[in-house]
Amino acid sequence: MAKDMSLGEAAKAIGVSADTLRRWDESGKLRTRRDERNRRRVPQAEVRRLTSAPARHRTGSRASARNRFEGTITSVEVGGVMALVEMAAGPFQITAAITRDSVAELGLAEGVAATATVKATSVMIERDGAPGKVA
């Protein structure tokens, strides 16, 4: 049977304070048992449960960008050295400003299948409708 951990050991392994674990125990988020001296003991299974990272989607690419949208080019407007390329990716419309040379090298034209790869330092999320109250 796996050895239980002290509250301090578990807190260090999970990356939170012992006080946080006490609160989690009292609220039911953490399952502990008491030893013969009435000290909280944390099963290793609980530590594993609380430290496991959620599964992330695979990119299917050797590039680091994780946000990839497969779709079809709907419009290419070339002007000077730059081009504006629009593509439909499911219900989404994506617009990219790229170089004229890139359009030529990739063979981009209306109806061509392509993948938009998005890597940004700032991603914004919005919702339709009126703002809700924070609980």
N, C-alpha and C. Protein backbone atom coordinates (compact mmCIF):
# COMPACT_ATOMS: atom_id res chain seq x y z
N MET A 1 0.84 -1.17 0.00
CA MET A 1 0.00 0.00 0.00
C MET A 1 0.89 1.25 0.00
N ALA A 2 0.52 2.23 -0.77
CA ALA A 2 1.32 3.45 -0.89
C ALA A 2 1.37 4.20 0.44
N LYS A 3 2.53 4.79 0.71
CA LYS A 3 2.74 5.54 1.94
C LYS A 3 2.02 6.89 1.85
N ASP A 4 1.34 7.23 2.92
CA ASP A 4 0.72 8.56 3.01
C ASP A 4 1.81 9.58 3.26
N MET A 5 1.51 10.84 2.91
CA MET A 5 2.46 11.93 3.10
C MET A 5 1.97 12.86 4.20
N SER A 6 2.91 13.53 4.85
CA SER A 6 2.51 14.55 5.81
C SER A 6 1.91 15.71 5.04
N LEU A 7 1.21 16.59 5.74
CA LEU A 7 0.60 17.74 5.10
C LEU A 7 1.68 18.62 4.46
N GLY A 8 2.80 18.81 5.14
CA GLY A 8 3.90 19.62 4.60
C GLY A 8 4.51 19.00 3.35
N GLU A 9 4.73 17.67 3.39
CA GLU A 9 5.28 16.98 2.22
C GLU A 9 4.34 17.10 1.02
N ALA A 10 3.05 16.91 1.28
CA ALA A 10 2.07 16.99 0.20
C ALA A 10 1.98 18.41 -0.35
N ALA A 11 2.00 19.41 0.54
CA ALA A 11 1.93 20.80 0.10
C ALA A 11 3.11 21.13 -0.80
N LYS A 12 4.30 20.68 -0.42
CA LYS A 12 5.50 20.94 -1.23
C LYS A 12 5.39 20.24 -2.59
N ALA A 13 4.91 19.01 -2.59
CA ALA A 13 4.79 18.26 -3.85
C ALA A 13 3.77 18.88 -4.79
N ILE A 14 2.68 19.42 -4.23
CA ILE A 14 1.62 20.02 -5.05
C ILE A 14 1.96 21.45 -5.43
N GLY A 15 2.76 22.12 -4.59
CA GLY A 15 3.14 23.49 -4.88
C GLY A 15 2.21 24.52 -4.27
N VAL A 16 1.63 24.17 -3.13
CA VAL A 16 0.76 25.10 -2.39
C VAL A 16 1.20 25.08 -0.93
N SER A 17 0.57 25.93 -0.13
CA SER A 17 0.92 25.96 1.29
C SER A 17 0.14 24.89 2.06
N ALA A 18 0.66 24.56 3.24
CA ALA A 18 -0.05 23.62 4.10
C ALA A 18 -1.42 24.19 4.50
N ASP A 19 -1.50 25.52 4.69
CA ASP A 19 -2.79 26.14 5.00
C ASP A 19 -3.80 25.92 3.88
N THR A 20 -3.33 26.00 2.64
CA THR A 20 -4.23 25.74 1.51
C THR A 20 -4.75 24.32 1.57
N LEU A 21 -3.88 23.36 1.87
CA LEU A 21 -4.33 21.97 1.97
C LEU A 21 -5.32 21.78 3.11
N ARG A 22 -5.12 22.48 4.22
CA ARG A 22 -6.09 22.40 5.32
C ARG A 22 -7.47 22.90 4.86
N ARG A 23 -7.47 24.03 4.13
CA ARG A 23 -8.74 24.56 3.63
C ARG A 23 -9.37 23.59 2.64
N TRP A 24 -8.56 23.01 1.76
CA TRP A 24 -9.09 22.04 0.79
C TRP A 24 -9.67 20.82 1.50
N ASP A 25 -9.01 20.40 2.58
CA ASP A 25 -9.51 19.26 3.35
C ASP A 25 -10.87 19.59 3.96
N GLU A 26 -10.96 20.78 4.54
CA GLU A 26 -12.22 21.19 5.18
C GLU A 26 -13.35 21.38 4.17
N SER A 27 -13.02 21.80 2.95
CA SER A 27 -14.06 22.03 1.94
C SER A 27 -14.37 20.77 1.13
N GLY A 28 -13.59 19.72 1.31
CA GLY A 28 -13.85 18.47 0.59
C GLY A 28 -13.08 18.34 -0.72
N LYS A 29 -12.26 19.31 -1.08
CA LYS A 29 -11.48 19.22 -2.31
C LYS A 29 -10.34 18.22 -2.18
N LEU A 30 -9.89 17.99 -0.96
CA LEU A 30 -8.79 17.07 -0.68
C LEU A 30 -9.28 16.01 0.29
N ARG A 31 -8.93 14.76 0.02
CA ARG A 31 -9.29 13.68 0.94
C ARG A 31 -8.06 13.31 1.77
N THR A 32 -8.18 13.39 3.07
CA THR A 32 -7.08 13.03 3.96
C THR A 32 -7.58 12.00 4.96
N ARG A 33 -6.66 11.48 5.73
CA ARG A 33 -7.02 10.63 6.87
C ARG A 33 -6.23 11.15 8.05
N ARG A 34 -6.60 10.74 9.23
CA ARG A 34 -5.89 11.14 10.46
C ARG A 34 -5.09 9.95 10.97
N ASP A 35 -3.86 10.24 11.42
CA ASP A 35 -3.05 9.16 11.99
C ASP A 35 -3.37 9.01 13.48
N GLU A 36 -2.62 8.15 14.15
CA GLU A 36 -2.88 7.88 15.57
C GLU A 36 -2.66 9.11 16.46
N ARG A 37 -1.94 10.11 15.97
CA ARG A 37 -1.72 11.35 16.73
C ARG A 37 -2.61 12.48 16.23
N ASN A 38 -3.63 12.11 15.43
CA ASN A 38 -4.63 13.04 14.89
C ASN A 38 -4.06 14.05 13.90
N ARG A 39 -2.94 13.69 13.26
CA ARG A 39 -2.36 14.56 12.23
C ARG A 39 -2.94 14.15 10.88
N ARG A 40 -3.12 15.15 10.02
CA ARG A 40 -3.61 14.86 8.67
C ARG A 40 -2.53 14.13 7.88
N ARG A 41 -2.94 13.10 7.17
CA ARG A 41 -2.06 12.37 6.26
C ARG A 41 -2.72 12.41 4.88
N VAL A 42 -1.92 12.64 3.86
CA VAL A 42 -2.44 12.78 2.50
C VAL A 42 -2.00 11.58 1.68
N PRO A 43 -2.95 10.81 1.15
CA PRO A 43 -2.58 9.68 0.31
C PRO A 43 -1.83 10.14 -0.95
N GLN A 44 -0.86 9.36 -1.37
CA GLN A 44 -0.10 9.72 -2.58
C GLN A 44 -1.01 9.83 -3.79
N ALA A 45 -2.08 9.07 -3.82
CA ALA A 45 -3.03 9.15 -4.94
C ALA A 45 -3.66 10.54 -5.01
N GLU A 46 -3.90 11.15 -3.86
CA GLU A 46 -4.46 12.51 -3.83
C GLU A 46 -3.44 13.52 -4.37
N VAL A 47 -2.18 13.34 -4.00
CA VAL A 47 -1.13 14.24 -4.50
C VAL A 47 -1.03 14.10 -6.01
N ARG A 48 -1.05 12.87 -6.52
CA ARG A 48 -1.01 12.67 -7.98
C ARG A 48 -2.21 13.32 -8.65
N ARG A 49 -3.39 13.16 -8.06
CA ARG A 49 -4.62 13.74 -8.63
C ARG A 49 -4.52 15.26 -8.71
N LEU A 50 -3.97 15.88 -7.69
CA LEU A 50 -3.92 17.34 -7.66
C LEU A 50 -2.74 17.93 -8.41
N THR A 51 -1.77 17.12 -8.77
CA THR A 51 -0.62 17.64 -9.52
C THR A 51 -0.66 17.25 -10.98
N SER A 52 -1.59 16.40 -11.36
CA SER A 52 -1.62 15.99 -12.77
C SER A 52 -2.09 17.15 -13.63
N ALA A 53 -1.35 17.40 -14.70
CA ALA A 53 -1.69 18.47 -15.63
C ALA A 53 -2.76 17.98 -16.60
N PRO A 54 -3.63 18.87 -17.02
CA PRO A 54 -4.64 18.44 -17.99
C PRO A 54 -3.98 18.06 -19.31
N ALA A 55 -4.58 17.13 -20.02
CA ALA A 55 -4.04 16.72 -21.32
C ALA A 55 -4.19 17.87 -22.31
N ARG A 56 -3.13 18.18 -23.01
CA ARG A 56 -3.14 19.24 -24.01
C ARG A 56 -3.26 18.61 -25.39
N HIS A 57 -3.86 19.35 -26.30
CA HIS A 57 -3.97 18.82 -27.66
C HIS A 57 -2.61 18.83 -28.34
N ARG A 58 -2.41 17.90 -29.22
CA ARG A 58 -1.17 17.80 -29.98
C ARG A 58 -1.31 18.67 -31.22
N THR A 59 -0.24 19.31 -31.63
CA THR A 59 -0.31 20.19 -32.80
C THR A 59 -0.22 19.42 -34.10
N GLY A 60 0.41 18.24 -34.08
CA GLY A 60 0.62 17.51 -35.31
C GLY A 60 1.71 18.16 -36.15
N SER A 61 2.48 19.04 -35.54
CA SER A 61 3.51 19.79 -36.25
C SER A 61 4.74 19.89 -35.37
N ARG A 62 5.87 20.16 -35.99
CA ARG A 62 7.09 20.35 -35.22
C ARG A 62 7.25 21.80 -34.81
N ALA A 63 6.29 22.66 -35.16
CA ALA A 63 6.32 24.07 -34.77
C ALA A 63 5.78 24.22 -33.35
N SER A 64 6.16 25.31 -32.70
CA SER A 64 5.75 25.50 -31.31
C SER A 64 4.35 26.09 -31.17
N ALA A 65 3.81 26.69 -32.21
CA ALA A 65 2.48 27.30 -32.11
C ALA A 65 1.43 26.21 -31.94
N ARG A 66 0.54 26.38 -30.99
CA ARG A 66 -0.46 25.37 -30.69
C ARG A 66 -1.80 25.64 -31.35
N ASN A 67 -2.04 26.86 -31.77
CA ASN A 67 -3.34 27.22 -32.32
C ASN A 67 -3.28 27.13 -33.85
N ARG A 68 -3.84 26.05 -34.37
CA ARG A 68 -3.80 25.78 -35.80
C ARG A 68 -5.23 25.59 -36.30
N PHE A 69 -5.53 26.23 -37.41
CA PHE A 69 -6.87 26.18 -37.97
C PHE A 69 -6.79 25.76 -39.43
N GLU A 70 -7.33 24.60 -39.74
CA GLU A 70 -7.36 24.13 -41.12
C GLU A 70 -8.57 24.72 -41.81
N GLY A 71 -8.39 25.14 -43.06
CA GLY A 71 -9.50 25.74 -43.77
C GLY A 71 -9.21 25.90 -45.24
N THR A 72 -9.96 26.79 -45.87
CA THR A 72 -9.86 27.03 -47.31
C THR A 72 -9.73 28.52 -47.55
N ILE A 73 -8.81 28.89 -48.43
CA ILE A 73 -8.61 30.29 -48.78
C ILE A 73 -9.86 30.81 -49.49
N THR A 74 -10.37 31.95 -49.03
CA THR A 74 -11.57 32.54 -49.64
C THR A 74 -11.25 33.79 -50.43
N SER A 75 -10.10 34.42 -50.16
CA SER A 75 -9.76 35.66 -50.85
C SER A 75 -8.28 35.95 -50.71
N VAL A 76 -7.67 36.44 -51.80
CA VAL A 76 -6.28 36.89 -51.78
C VAL A 76 -6.23 38.24 -52.48
N GLU A 77 -5.83 39.27 -51.76
CA GLU A 77 -5.69 40.60 -52.33
C GLU A 77 -4.22 41.02 -52.22
N VAL A 78 -3.55 41.15 -53.37
CA VAL A 78 -2.13 41.50 -53.40
C VAL A 78 -2.01 42.97 -53.78
N GLY A 79 -1.21 43.70 -53.02
CA GLY A 79 -0.97 45.10 -53.32
C GLY A 79 0.44 45.48 -52.88
N GLY A 80 1.27 45.85 -53.80
CA GLY A 80 2.65 46.19 -53.45
C GLY A 80 3.38 44.96 -52.97
N VAL A 81 4.10 45.08 -51.84
CA VAL A 81 4.86 43.94 -51.31
C VAL A 81 4.04 43.09 -50.34
N MET A 82 2.85 43.55 -49.97
CA MET A 82 2.02 42.85 -49.00
C MET A 82 0.77 42.27 -49.65
N ALA A 83 0.16 41.30 -48.94
CA ALA A 83 -1.08 40.70 -49.40
C ALA A 83 -1.98 40.47 -48.20
N LEU A 84 -3.28 40.53 -48.44
CA LEU A 84 -4.28 40.23 -47.42
C LEU A 84 -4.94 38.91 -47.83
N VAL A 85 -4.81 37.91 -46.99
CA VAL A 85 -5.34 36.57 -47.30
C VAL A 85 -6.42 36.25 -46.28
N GLU A 86 -7.59 35.86 -46.78
CA GLU A 86 -8.69 35.44 -45.91
C GLU A 86 -8.95 33.97 -46.13
N MET A 87 -9.28 33.30 -45.04
CA MET A 87 -9.62 31.88 -45.15
C MET A 87 -10.76 31.55 -44.21
N ALA A 88 -11.55 30.56 -44.60
CA ALA A 88 -12.63 30.04 -43.77
C ALA A 88 -12.11 28.78 -43.09
N ALA A 89 -12.22 28.74 -41.77
CA ALA A 89 -11.81 27.58 -40.99
C ALA A 89 -13.03 27.19 -40.15
N GLY A 90 -13.81 26.26 -40.66
CA GLY A 90 -15.07 25.93 -39.99
C GLY A 90 -15.96 27.16 -40.03
N PRO A 91 -16.55 27.55 -38.91
CA PRO A 91 -17.41 28.73 -38.90
C PRO A 91 -16.62 30.04 -38.77
N PHE A 92 -15.30 29.95 -38.74
CA PHE A 92 -14.49 31.13 -38.48
C PHE A 92 -13.84 31.68 -39.73
N GLN A 93 -13.72 33.00 -39.79
CA GLN A 93 -13.04 33.70 -40.87
C GLN A 93 -11.73 34.24 -40.30
N ILE A 94 -10.62 33.89 -40.93
CA ILE A 94 -9.30 34.32 -40.47
C ILE A 94 -8.68 35.19 -41.55
N THR A 95 -8.11 36.32 -41.14
CA THR A 95 -7.45 37.22 -42.07
C THR A 95 -5.98 37.35 -41.67
N ALA A 96 -5.10 37.22 -42.66
CA ALA A 96 -3.67 37.34 -42.39
C ALA A 96 -3.05 38.33 -43.37
N ALA A 97 -2.20 39.20 -42.87
CA ALA A 97 -1.41 40.10 -43.72
C ALA A 97 -0.05 39.45 -43.87
N ILE A 98 0.28 39.02 -45.08
CA ILE A 98 1.55 38.34 -45.34
C ILE A 98 2.21 38.99 -46.56
N THR A 99 3.41 38.58 -46.87
CA THR A 99 4.11 39.18 -48.00
C THR A 99 3.61 38.60 -49.32
N ARG A 100 3.78 39.39 -50.35
CA ARG A 100 3.44 38.97 -51.72
C ARG A 100 4.24 37.71 -52.08
N ASP A 101 5.52 37.68 -51.67
CA ASP A 101 6.36 36.52 -51.95
C ASP A 101 5.81 35.26 -51.30
N SER A 102 5.29 35.37 -50.08
CA SER A 102 4.73 34.20 -49.39
C SER A 102 3.51 33.67 -50.14
N VAL A 103 2.67 34.57 -50.65
CA VAL A 103 1.50 34.14 -51.42
C VAL A 103 1.96 33.31 -52.61
N ALA A 104 2.99 33.81 -53.32
CA ALA A 104 3.50 33.10 -54.49
C ALA A 104 4.15 31.77 -54.11
N GLU A 105 5.00 31.77 -53.09
CA GLU A 105 5.70 30.55 -52.68
C GLU A 105 4.75 29.47 -52.22
N LEU A 106 3.67 29.85 -51.52
CA LEU A 106 2.71 28.88 -51.00
C LEU A 106 1.63 28.53 -52.01
N GLY A 107 1.58 29.26 -53.11
CA GLY A 107 0.55 29.00 -54.12
C GLY A 107 -0.84 29.29 -53.59
N LEU A 108 -0.99 30.37 -52.82
CA LEU A 108 -2.28 30.69 -52.23
C LEU A 108 -3.20 31.33 -53.25
N ALA A 109 -4.41 30.81 -53.33
CA ALA A 109 -5.44 31.33 -54.22
C ALA A 109 -6.78 30.86 -53.68
N GLU A 110 -7.84 31.50 -54.10
CA GLU A 110 -9.18 31.13 -53.65
C GLU A 110 -9.42 29.64 -53.91
N GLY A 111 -9.94 28.94 -52.89
CA GLY A 111 -10.24 27.52 -53.00
C GLY A 111 -9.13 26.58 -52.56
N VAL A 112 -7.94 27.11 -52.29
CA VAL A 112 -6.80 26.28 -51.87
C VAL A 112 -6.92 25.95 -50.38
N ALA A 113 -6.69 24.69 -50.03
CA ALA A 113 -6.69 24.28 -48.62
C ALA A 113 -5.41 24.77 -47.96
N ALA A 114 -5.52 25.26 -46.74
CA ALA A 114 -4.36 25.79 -46.02
C ALA A 114 -4.60 25.66 -44.52
N THR A 115 -3.55 25.89 -43.77
CA THR A 115 -3.65 25.89 -42.30
C THR A 115 -3.12 27.22 -41.79
N ALA A 116 -3.94 27.90 -40.98
CA ALA A 116 -3.52 29.13 -40.32
C ALA A 116 -2.92 28.74 -38.97
N THR A 117 -1.70 29.17 -38.72
CA THR A 117 -1.04 28.91 -37.45
C THR A 117 -0.94 30.24 -36.72
N VAL A 118 -1.48 30.27 -35.50
CA VAL A 118 -1.54 31.52 -34.74
C VAL A 118 -0.65 31.39 -33.51
N LYS A 119 0.31 32.28 -33.41
CA LYS A 119 1.14 32.35 -32.21
C LYS A 119 1.21 33.82 -31.83
N ALA A 120 0.63 34.15 -30.72
CA ALA A 120 0.56 35.55 -30.32
C ALA A 120 0.87 35.68 -28.84
N THR A 121 1.37 36.84 -28.46
CA THR A 121 1.61 37.09 -27.05
C THR A 121 0.34 37.56 -26.37
N SER A 122 -0.66 37.89 -27.15
CA SER A 122 -1.91 38.37 -26.58
C SER A 122 -3.08 37.71 -27.30
N VAL A 123 -3.88 36.96 -26.56
CA VAL A 123 -5.07 36.34 -27.11
C VAL A 123 -6.26 36.88 -26.34
N MET A 124 -7.23 37.41 -27.05
CA MET A 124 -8.41 37.97 -26.40
C MET A 124 -9.60 37.04 -26.59
N ILE A 125 -10.43 36.93 -25.58
CA ILE A 125 -11.63 36.10 -25.63
C ILE A 125 -12.80 36.99 -25.30
N GLU A 126 -13.87 36.88 -26.09
CA GLU A 126 -15.06 37.67 -25.80
C GLU A 126 -16.28 36.76 -25.86
N ARG A 127 -17.37 37.23 -25.27
CA ARG A 127 -18.63 36.51 -25.26
C ARG A 127 -19.72 37.39 -25.81
N ASP A 128 -20.69 36.77 -26.45
CA ASP A 128 -21.86 37.50 -26.92
C ASP A 128 -22.73 37.84 -25.71
N GLY A 129 -23.51 38.89 -25.83
CA GLY A 129 -24.48 39.22 -24.79
C GLY A 129 -23.93 40.18 -23.76
N ALA A 130 -24.78 40.48 -22.80
CA ALA A 130 -24.44 41.44 -21.74
C ALA A 130 -23.46 40.82 -20.77
N PRO A 131 -22.61 41.66 -20.17
CA PRO A 131 -21.68 41.13 -19.17
C PRO A 131 -22.42 40.54 -17.98
N GLY A 132 -21.92 39.44 -17.49
CA GLY A 132 -22.54 38.79 -16.34
C GLY A 132 -21.88 39.21 -15.05
N LYS A 133 -22.47 38.80 -13.95
CA LYS A 133 -21.90 39.09 -12.64
C LYS A 133 -20.89 38.03 -12.29
N VAL A 134 -19.83 38.42 -11.66
CA VAL A 134 -18.81 37.49 -11.19
C VAL A 134 -19.28 36.93 -9.86
N ALA A 135 -19.25 35.62 -9.75
CA ALA A 135 -19.71 34.98 -8.51
C ALA A 135 -18.63 35.01 -7.47
